[in-house]
């Protein structure tokens, strides 16, 4: 499956979760439900993946964790906040750089219409 098809599946599953649950829940609830939907769609998905920081050839455990990693190519960062801020974009860009992935989805589920909380991020 190519990366664009995977990304579309992630989007479709995100919309399914948001339609079923609506806004107002904790990030962890959306993460679990999206994880379940992505597995049901047949994708390889890992959650809460530790992401080390390499500094001067030293691997440091800096506490970074990717919410969802789909097919080892797409990072999904889930939020449940009033509105996305620049720091959220900086966070997913950092995760993309550290992981070597080129495509990410920043999704804020705490919105009336999920289309208003979705950001496609390309490195």
C-alpha atoms as a PDB file:
ATOM      1  CA  UNK A   1       0.000   0.000   0.000  1.00  0.00           C
ATOM      2  CA  UNK A   2       1.476   3.377  -0.868  1.00  0.00           C
ATOM      3  CA  UNK A   3       1.855   6.244   1.571  1.00  0.00           C
ATOM      4  CA  UNK A   4      -0.965   8.349   0.066  1.00  0.00           C
ATOM      5  CA  UNK A   5      -3.412   5.469   0.307  1.00  0.00           C
ATOM      6  CA  UNK A   6      -2.327   4.893   3.906  1.00  0.00           C
ATOM      7  CA  UNK A   7      -2.815   8.579   4.669  1.00  0.00           C
ATOM      8  CA  UNK A   8      -6.320   8.521   3.180  1.00  0.00           C
ATOM      9  CA  UNK A   9      -7.176   5.522   5.359  1.00  0.00           C
ATOM     10  CA  UNK A  10      -5.901   7.412   8.419  1.00  0.00           C
ATOM     11  CA  UNK A  11      -8.118  10.357   7.480  1.00  0.00           C
ATOM     12  CA  UNK A  12     -11.151   8.150   6.878  1.00  0.00           C
ATOM     13  CA  UNK A  13     -10.686   6.397  10.220  1.00  0.00           C
ATOM     14  CA  UNK A  14     -10.198   9.746  11.985  1.00  0.00           C
ATOM     15  CA  UNK A  15     -13.506  10.989  10.607  1.00  0.00           C
ATOM     16  CA  UNK A  16     -15.223   7.750  11.694  1.00  0.00           C
ATOM     17  CA  UNK A  17     -13.943   8.175  15.251  1.00  0.00           C
ATOM     18  CA  UNK A  18     -14.912  11.842  15.413  1.00  0.00           C
ATOM     19  CA  UNK A  19     -18.390  11.143  14.016  1.00  0.00           C
ATOM     20  CA  UNK A  20     -18.946   8.431  16.629  1.00  0.00           C
ATOM     21  CA  UNK A  21     -17.518  10.293  19.648  1.00  0.00           C
ATOM     22  CA  UNK A  22     -17.745  13.998  18.866  1.00  0.00           C
ATOM     23  CA  UNK A  23     -15.594  16.612  20.638  1.00  0.00           C
ATOM     24  CA  UNK A  24     -14.932  16.900  24.356  1.00  0.00           C
ATOM     25  CA  UNK A  25     -13.104  13.689  25.294  1.00  0.00           C
ATOM     26  CA  UNK A  26      -9.535  13.197  26.420  1.00  0.00           C
ATOM     27  CA  UNK A  27      -6.815  12.709  23.819  1.00  0.00           C
ATOM     28  CA  UNK A  28      -6.246   9.158  25.070  1.00  0.00           C
ATOM     29  CA  UNK A  29      -9.829   8.154  24.186  1.00  0.00           C
ATOM     30  CA  UNK A  30      -9.448   9.343  20.593  1.00  0.00           C
ATOM     31  CA  UNK A  31      -6.052   7.652  20.349  1.00  0.00           C
ATOM     32  CA  UNK A  32      -7.398   4.273  21.464  1.00  0.00           C
ATOM     33  CA  UNK A  33     -10.377   4.454  19.132  1.00  0.00           C
ATOM     34  CA  UNK A  34      -8.290   5.564  16.149  1.00  0.00           C
ATOM     35  CA  UNK A  35      -5.757   2.827  16.894  1.00  0.00           C
ATOM     36  CA  UNK A  36      -8.596   0.286  16.865  1.00  0.00           C
ATOM     37  CA  UNK A  37     -10.056   1.614  13.591  1.00  0.00           C
ATOM     38  CA  UNK A  38      -6.671   1.614  11.859  1.00  0.00           C
ATOM     39  CA  UNK A  39      -6.024  -1.978  12.935  1.00  0.00           C
ATOM     40  CA  UNK A  40      -9.475  -2.960  11.667  1.00  0.00           C
ATOM     41  CA  UNK A  41      -8.631  -1.363   8.312  1.00  0.00           C
ATOM     42  CA  UNK A  42      -5.664  -3.727   7.979  1.00  0.00           C
ATOM     43  CA  UNK A  43      -2.852  -1.228   8.572  1.00  0.00           C
ATOM     44  CA  UNK A  44       0.201  -1.911  10.696  1.00  0.00           C
ATOM     45  CA  UNK A  45      -0.075   0.564  13.583  1.00  0.00           C
ATOM     46  CA  UNK A  46       1.987   1.143  16.693  1.00  0.00           C
ATOM     47  CA  UNK A  47       1.059   3.502  19.519  1.00  0.00           C
ATOM     48  CA  UNK A  48       3.067   5.541  22.002  1.00  0.00           C
ATOM     49  CA  UNK A  49       6.367   4.793  20.270  1.00  0.00           C
ATOM     50  CA  UNK A  50       9.401   6.163  22.147  1.00  0.00           C
ATOM     51  CA  UNK A  51      11.406   8.492  19.945  1.00  0.00           C
ATOM     52  CA  UNK A  52      14.993   9.042  21.080  1.00  0.00           C
ATOM     53  CA  UNK A  53      16.944  12.213  20.488  1.00  0.00           C
ATOM     54  CA  UNK A  54      20.432  11.803  19.004  1.00  0.00           C
ATOM     55  CA  UNK A  55      22.754  14.542  20.235  1.00  0.00           C
ATOM     56  CA  UNK A  56      26.462  14.477  19.332  1.00  0.00           C
ATOM     57  CA  UNK A  57      26.244  10.765  18.458  1.00  0.00           C
ATOM     58  CA  UNK A  58      24.638  10.016  21.855  1.00  0.00           C
ATOM     59  CA  UNK A  59      21.173   8.499  22.001  1.00  0.00           C
ATOM     60  CA  UNK A  60      19.170  10.316  24.666  1.00  0.00           C
ATOM     61  CA  UNK A  61      15.797   9.255  26.024  1.00  0.00           C
ATOM     62  CA  UNK A  62      14.206  12.692  26.095  1.00  0.00           C
ATOM     63  CA  UNK A  63      10.655  11.469  26.699  1.00  0.00           C
ATOM     64  CA  UNK A  64       9.325  11.979  23.178  1.00  0.00           C
ATOM     65  CA  UNK A  65       6.490   9.622  22.216  1.00  0.00           C
ATOM     66  CA  UNK A  66       4.717   9.380  18.888  1.00  0.00           C
ATOM     67  CA  UNK A  67       0.971   8.876  19.390  1.00  0.00           C
ATOM     68  CA  UNK A  68       0.513   6.589  16.372  1.00  0.00           C
ATOM     69  CA  UNK A  69       2.928   5.345  13.736  1.00  0.00           C
ATOM     70  CA  UNK A  70       1.186   3.909  10.677  1.00  0.00           C
ATOM     71  CA  UNK A  71       3.036   1.480   8.400  1.00  0.00           C
ATOM     72  CA  UNK A  72       6.324   2.944   9.716  1.00  0.00           C
ATOM     73  CA  UNK A  73       5.726   5.919   7.414  1.00  0.00           C
ATOM     74  CA  UNK A  74       2.973   8.198   8.732  1.00  0.00           C
ATOM     75  CA  UNK A  75       3.044   9.865  12.140  1.00  0.00           C
ATOM     76  CA  UNK A  76      -0.307  10.736  13.684  1.00  0.00           C
ATOM     77  CA  UNK A  77      -0.276  13.290  16.490  1.00  0.00           C
ATOM     78  CA  UNK A  78      -3.616  13.513  18.276  1.00  0.00           C
ATOM     79  CA  UNK A  79      -4.792  16.542  20.214  1.00  0.00           C
ATOM     80  CA  UNK A  80      -7.932  17.447  22.103  1.00  0.00           C
ATOM     81  CA  UNK A  81      -7.444  21.166  22.664  1.00  0.00           C
ATOM     82  CA  UNK A  82      -9.450  24.328  22.121  1.00  0.00           C
ATOM     83  CA  UNK A  83      -7.343  25.200  19.081  1.00  0.00           C
ATOM     84  CA  UNK A  84      -4.088  24.071  17.512  1.00  0.00           C
ATOM     85  CA  UNK A  85      -1.106  26.285  18.290  1.00  0.00           C
ATOM     86  CA  UNK A  86       2.297  26.763  16.687  1.00  0.00           C
ATOM     87  CA  UNK A  87       3.831  24.512  19.370  1.00  0.00           C
ATOM     88  CA  UNK A  88       1.700  21.599  18.155  1.00  0.00           C
ATOM     89  CA  UNK A  89       3.018  22.047  14.621  1.00  0.00           C
ATOM     90  CA  UNK A  90       6.573  22.312  15.980  1.00  0.00           C
ATOM     91  CA  UNK A  91       6.026  19.068  17.893  1.00  0.00           C
ATOM     92  CA  UNK A  92       4.987  17.029  14.872  1.00  0.00           C
ATOM     93  CA  UNK A  93       7.753  18.551  12.739  1.00  0.00           C
ATOM     94  CA  UNK A  94      10.254  17.488  15.403  1.00  0.00           C
ATOM     95  CA  UNK A  95       8.816  13.970  15.434  1.00  0.00           C
ATOM     96  CA  UNK A  96       9.080  13.775  11.650  1.00  0.00           C
ATOM     97  CA  UNK A  97      12.717  14.909  11.715  1.00  0.00           C
ATOM     98  CA  UNK A  98      13.719  12.538  14.532  1.00  0.00           C
ATOM     99  CA  UNK A  99      11.920   9.547  13.013  1.00  0.00           C
ATOM    100  CA  UNK A 100      12.916  10.015   9.392  1.00  0.00           C
ATOM    101  CA  UNK A 101       9.252   9.953   8.342  1.00  0.00           C
ATOM    102  CA  UNK A 102       8.134  12.459   5.725  1.00  0.00           C
ATOM    103  CA  UNK A 103       4.363  12.620   6.278  1.00  0.00           C
ATOM    104  CA  UNK A 104       2.315  13.376   9.362  1.00  0.00           C
ATOM    105  CA  UNK A 105      -1.199  14.148  10.457  1.00  0.00           C
ATOM    106  CA  UNK A 106      -1.905  16.598  13.248  1.00  0.00           C
ATOM    107  CA  UNK A 107      -5.505  16.043  14.333  1.00  0.00           C
ATOM    108  CA  UNK A 108      -7.395  18.068  16.925  1.00  0.00           C
ATOM    109  CA  UNK A 109     -10.526  16.101  17.845  1.00  0.00           C
ATOM    110  CA  UNK A 110     -11.910  18.847  20.108  1.00  0.00           C
ATOM    111  CA  UNK A 111     -13.665  20.673  17.256  1.00  0.00           C
ATOM    112  CA  UNK A 112     -17.240  20.642  16.005  1.00  0.00           C
ATOM    113  CA  UNK A 113     -16.190  19.521  12.498  1.00  0.00           C
ATOM    114  CA  UNK A 114     -13.009  17.465  12.262  1.00  0.00           C
ATOM    115  CA  UNK A 115     -12.086  19.046   8.902  1.00  0.00           C
ATOM    116  CA  UNK A 116     -11.336  22.208  10.941  1.00  0.00           C
ATOM    117  CA  UNK A 117      -8.894  20.312  13.183  1.00  0.00           C
ATOM    118  CA  UNK A 118      -6.852  18.470  10.547  1.00  0.00           C
ATOM    119  CA  UNK A 119      -3.378  19.491   9.372  1.00  0.00           C
ATOM    120  CA  UNK A 120      -1.371  17.478   6.864  1.00  0.00           C
ATOM    121  CA  UNK A 121       2.330  17.937   7.579  1.00  0.00           C
ATOM    122  CA  UNK A 122       5.025  17.158   5.031  1.00  0.00           C
ATOM    123  CA  UNK A 123       8.718  17.319   5.795  1.00  0.00           C
END
